[in-house]
Amino acid sequence: MRRLIIPILFLLALPPTLAFKQDFTEPVQLDWETYFKGKPDMNSPFYALTAMTWKYSYESTTYRNRVVINLKNEVTIDKNRSWVKWDKIKDPEVRASLLHHEQGHANIQYILLSEAERVLKNRNYSVKNYKAQISQLANEISDYFDTMQRNYDEETEHGSNHKMQGRWDKIIEDKMTESRAAMLETQK
């Protein structure tokens, strides 16, 4: 069995989650008390840090000159490495706004999970170099979503630009809808 772990650490003005369920129906719904147990970095300019990891592994079978993979795919949020500066978010409106922004990060990871499931399972791999092909695809998926996470933070100014946050909320919701539809299509 081949196993690759791609750590994704986001230095955010807010935090994300635990393990996403393998059924891909919905992303984890965040709350401050459950997911932000780590000790805050007081030197960080951010109000929180979210530590998320995407892991995948697979077993492969060759059948008639074709490689079929059985994929295990998950996202976890390390709640002991994720933290929040409680003294900076005492106002209930600020807390809610920050948590909403962080939910966007968790939702982006849900999209990554769904897309990785769809893309990695639905490829024709060469018997000779399927391991390299899978690794390359996984790296491309990871790079794409790392960039999306960075753009989300930069454009929303870590959730403080409410107009851009609203635009990103729509982008994320549309991508989640697309991912759900694509997953349902591949399951037929």
Protein backbone atom coordinates (compact mmCIF):
# COMPACT_ATOMS: atom_id res chain seq x y z
CA MET A 1 0.00 0.00 0.00
CA ARG A 2 1.30 3.44 -0.94
CA ARG A 3 0.70 6.20 1.59
CA LEU A 4 1.27 9.90 1.16
CA ILE A 5 0.58 12.51 3.75
CA ILE A 6 0.44 16.11 2.62
CA PRO A 7 0.45 18.49 5.58
CA ILE A 8 -1.39 21.72 5.06
CA LEU A 9 -0.80 24.38 7.70
CA PHE A 10 -2.72 27.59 7.37
CA LEU A 11 -1.71 30.65 9.31
CA LEU A 12 -5.03 32.33 9.48
CA ALA A 13 -6.85 35.07 11.22
CA LEU A 14 -9.12 32.20 12.24
CA PRO A 15 -9.28 28.29 12.51
CA PRO A 16 -10.70 24.95 10.95
CA THR A 17 -11.57 21.09 11.86
CA LEU A 18 -11.24 17.29 12.70
CA ALA A 19 -11.65 14.34 10.32
CA PHE A 20 -14.04 14.57 7.42
CA LYS A 21 -16.32 11.61 7.00
CA GLN A 22 -15.62 9.26 4.14
CA ASP A 23 -19.17 9.69 2.78
CA PHE A 24 -18.37 13.20 1.49
CA THR A 25 -21.89 14.45 2.18
CA GLU A 26 -20.97 17.62 4.08
CA PRO A 27 -17.92 19.34 5.51
CA VAL A 28 -17.30 19.38 9.24
CA GLN A 29 -19.11 22.24 10.97
CA LEU A 30 -16.63 24.12 13.11
CA ASP A 31 -16.99 25.47 16.60
CA TRP A 32 -14.39 27.25 18.69
CA GLU A 33 -14.46 24.97 21.71
CA THR A 34 -13.93 21.69 19.86
CA TYR A 35 -11.35 22.58 17.25
CA PHE A 36 -9.01 25.15 18.81
CA LYS A 37 -7.24 23.52 21.74
CA GLY A 38 -3.62 24.44 20.96
CA LYS A 39 -1.53 27.09 22.71
CA PRO A 40 -1.61 30.40 20.75
CA ASP A 41 1.56 31.78 19.21
CA MET A 42 1.66 35.22 20.79
CA ASN A 43 4.24 36.37 18.21
CA SER A 44 1.86 35.63 15.34
CA PRO A 45 -0.01 38.61 13.84
CA PHE A 46 -3.03 36.34 13.35
CA TYR A 47 -5.83 35.63 15.78
CA ALA A 48 -5.76 31.92 15.09
CA LEU A 49 -3.99 29.10 13.31
CA THR A 50 -5.60 26.08 11.75
CA ALA A 51 -3.62 22.92 11.13
CA MET A 52 -5.20 20.68 8.48
CA THR A 53 -3.79 17.58 6.84
CA TRP A 54 -4.92 15.78 3.71
CA LYS A 55 -3.98 12.11 3.65
CA TYR A 56 -4.51 9.57 0.96
CA SER A 57 -3.43 6.03 0.46
CA TYR A 58 -4.41 3.34 -1.97
CA GLU A 59 -4.21 -0.30 -2.81
CA SER A 60 -3.78 -1.15 -6.46
CA THR A 61 -4.87 -4.11 -8.55
CA THR A 62 -3.90 -4.82 -12.14
CA TYR A 63 -6.68 -6.22 -14.25
CA ARG A 64 -6.31 -6.78 -18.01
CA ASN A 65 -3.45 -4.31 -18.36
CA ARG A 66 -5.36 -1.70 -16.34
CA VAL A 67 -4.63 -0.47 -12.83
CA VAL A 68 -7.58 -0.10 -10.48
CA ILE A 69 -7.06 1.66 -7.17
CA ASN A 70 -8.95 1.43 -3.91
CA LEU A 71 -8.49 4.92 -2.49
CA LYS A 72 -8.60 6.01 1.13
CA ASN A 73 -8.85 9.78 1.31
CA GLU A 74 -9.30 12.00 4.38
CA VAL A 75 -8.81 15.46 5.77
CA THR A 76 -8.09 16.02 9.44
CA ILE A 77 -7.81 19.10 11.56
CA ASP A 78 -5.32 18.85 14.34
CA LYS A 79 -7.15 20.55 17.17
CA ASN A 80 -4.03 20.43 19.38
CA ARG A 81 -2.02 22.44 16.84
CA SER A 82 -4.93 24.74 15.95
CA TRP A 83 -5.31 27.72 18.22
CA VAL A 84 -7.16 30.97 18.78
CA LYS A 85 -6.28 34.12 20.72
CA TRP A 86 -9.40 34.37 22.84
CA ASP A 87 -8.46 37.79 24.17
CA LYS A 88 -8.62 39.19 20.61
CA ILE A 89 -12.13 37.93 19.81
CA LYS A 90 -14.20 38.78 22.88
CA ASP A 91 -16.96 40.53 20.92
CA PRO A 92 -19.66 37.97 19.90
CA GLU A 93 -20.00 39.50 16.42
CA VAL A 94 -16.24 39.28 15.83
CA ARG A 95 -16.23 35.67 17.06
CA ALA A 96 -19.09 34.75 14.73
CA SER A 97 -17.48 36.50 11.76
CA LEU A 98 -14.14 34.80 12.34
CA LEU A 99 -15.74 31.40 12.77
CA HIS A 100 -17.68 31.94 9.54
CA HIS A 101 -14.41 32.73 7.75
CA GLU A 102 -12.78 29.64 9.20
CA GLN A 103 -15.72 27.53 8.08
CA GLY A 104 -14.80 28.69 4.59
CA HIS A 105 -11.38 27.09 5.03
CA ALA A 106 -12.99 23.84 6.18
CA ASN A 107 -15.34 23.99 3.20
CA ILE A 108 -12.41 24.44 0.82
CA GLN A 109 -10.81 21.33 2.35
CA TYR A 110 -14.10 19.49 1.80
CA ILE A 111 -13.90 20.48 -1.88
CA LEU A 112 -10.30 19.20 -1.99
CA LEU A 113 -11.42 15.91 -0.49
CA SER A 114 -14.26 15.52 -2.98
CA GLU A 115 -12.12 16.48 -5.96
CA ALA A 116 -9.28 14.18 -4.92
CA GLU A 117 -11.77 11.33 -4.61
CA ARG A 118 -13.21 12.02 -8.05
CA VAL A 119 -9.95 12.74 -9.87
CA LEU A 120 -7.75 10.03 -8.39
CA LYS A 121 -10.33 7.26 -8.72
CA ASN A 122 -11.46 8.09 -12.24
CA ARG A 123 -8.20 8.01 -14.17
CA ASN A 124 -6.73 5.35 -16.37
CA TYR A 125 -3.29 4.63 -15.02
CA SER A 126 -0.40 3.00 -16.82
CA VAL A 127 0.68 -0.31 -15.33
CA LYS A 128 4.33 0.75 -15.68
CA ASN A 129 4.19 4.10 -13.91
CA TYR A 130 0.86 4.41 -12.07
CA LYS A 131 2.57 5.28 -8.77
CA ALA A 132 4.25 8.32 -10.32
CA GLN A 133 1.02 9.31 -12.08
CA ILE A 134 -1.00 9.14 -8.87
CA SER A 135 1.65 11.06 -6.96
CA GLN A 136 1.78 13.77 -9.63
CA LEU A 137 -2.00 14.14 -9.68
CA ALA A 138 -2.14 14.30 -5.88
CA ASN A 139 0.55 16.99 -5.83
CA GLU A 140 -1.33 19.01 -8.47
CA ILE A 141 -4.55 18.76 -6.45
CA SER A 142 -2.74 19.78 -3.28
CA ASP A 143 -1.02 22.75 -4.97
CA TYR A 144 -4.31 23.95 -6.47
CA PHE A 145 -6.09 23.92 -3.12
CA ASP A 146 -3.13 25.44 -1.24
CA THR A 147 -3.34 28.34 -3.69
CA MET A 148 -7.10 28.57 -3.23
CA GLN A 149 -6.68 28.72 0.56
CA ARG A 150 -4.05 31.48 0.28
CA ASN A 151 -6.18 33.47 -2.18
CA TYR A 152 -9.18 33.12 0.13
CA ASP A 153 -7.23 34.60 3.04
CA GLU A 154 -5.57 37.33 0.99
CA GLU A 155 -8.68 38.49 -0.84
CA THR A 156 -10.92 38.44 2.23
CA GLU A 157 -8.13 39.94 4.36
CA HIS A 158 -8.55 36.98 6.72
CA GLY A 159 -12.29 37.56 6.87
CA SER A 160 -12.19 41.27 7.68
CA ASN A 161 -13.25 42.41 4.18
CA HIS A 162 -16.93 41.52 4.35
CA LYS A 163 -17.66 42.31 0.69
CA MET A 164 -14.93 39.92 -0.48
CA GLN A 165 -15.97 37.38 2.14
CA GLY A 166 -19.43 37.40 0.59
CA ARG A 167 -17.96 36.83 -2.88
CA TRP A 168 -15.84 33.95 -1.61
CA ASP A 169 -18.83 32.46 0.24
CA LYS A 170 -20.57 32.24 -3.16
CA ILE A 171 -17.48 30.79 -4.91
CA ILE A 172 -17.07 28.14 -2.20
CA GLU A 173 -20.76 27.23 -2.18
CA ASP A 174 -20.77 26.90 -5.99
CA LYS A 175 -17.68 24.68 -5.91
CA MET A 176 -19.18 22.53 -3.15
CA THR A 177 -22.33 22.09 -5.25
CA GLU A 178 -20.22 21.15 -8.30
CA SER A 179 -18.19 18.67 -6.24
CA ARG A 180 -21.32 17.02 -4.83
CA ALA A 181 -22.84 16.72 -8.31
CA ALA A 182 -19.63 15.28 -9.76
CA MET A 183 -19.36 12.76 -6.91
CA LEU A 184 -22.95 11.65 -7.39
CA GLU A 185 -22.36 11.27 -11.12
CA THR A 186 -19.31 9.06 -10.60
CA GLN A 187 -21.20 6.89 -8.11
CA LYS A 188 -23.84 5.96 -10.70
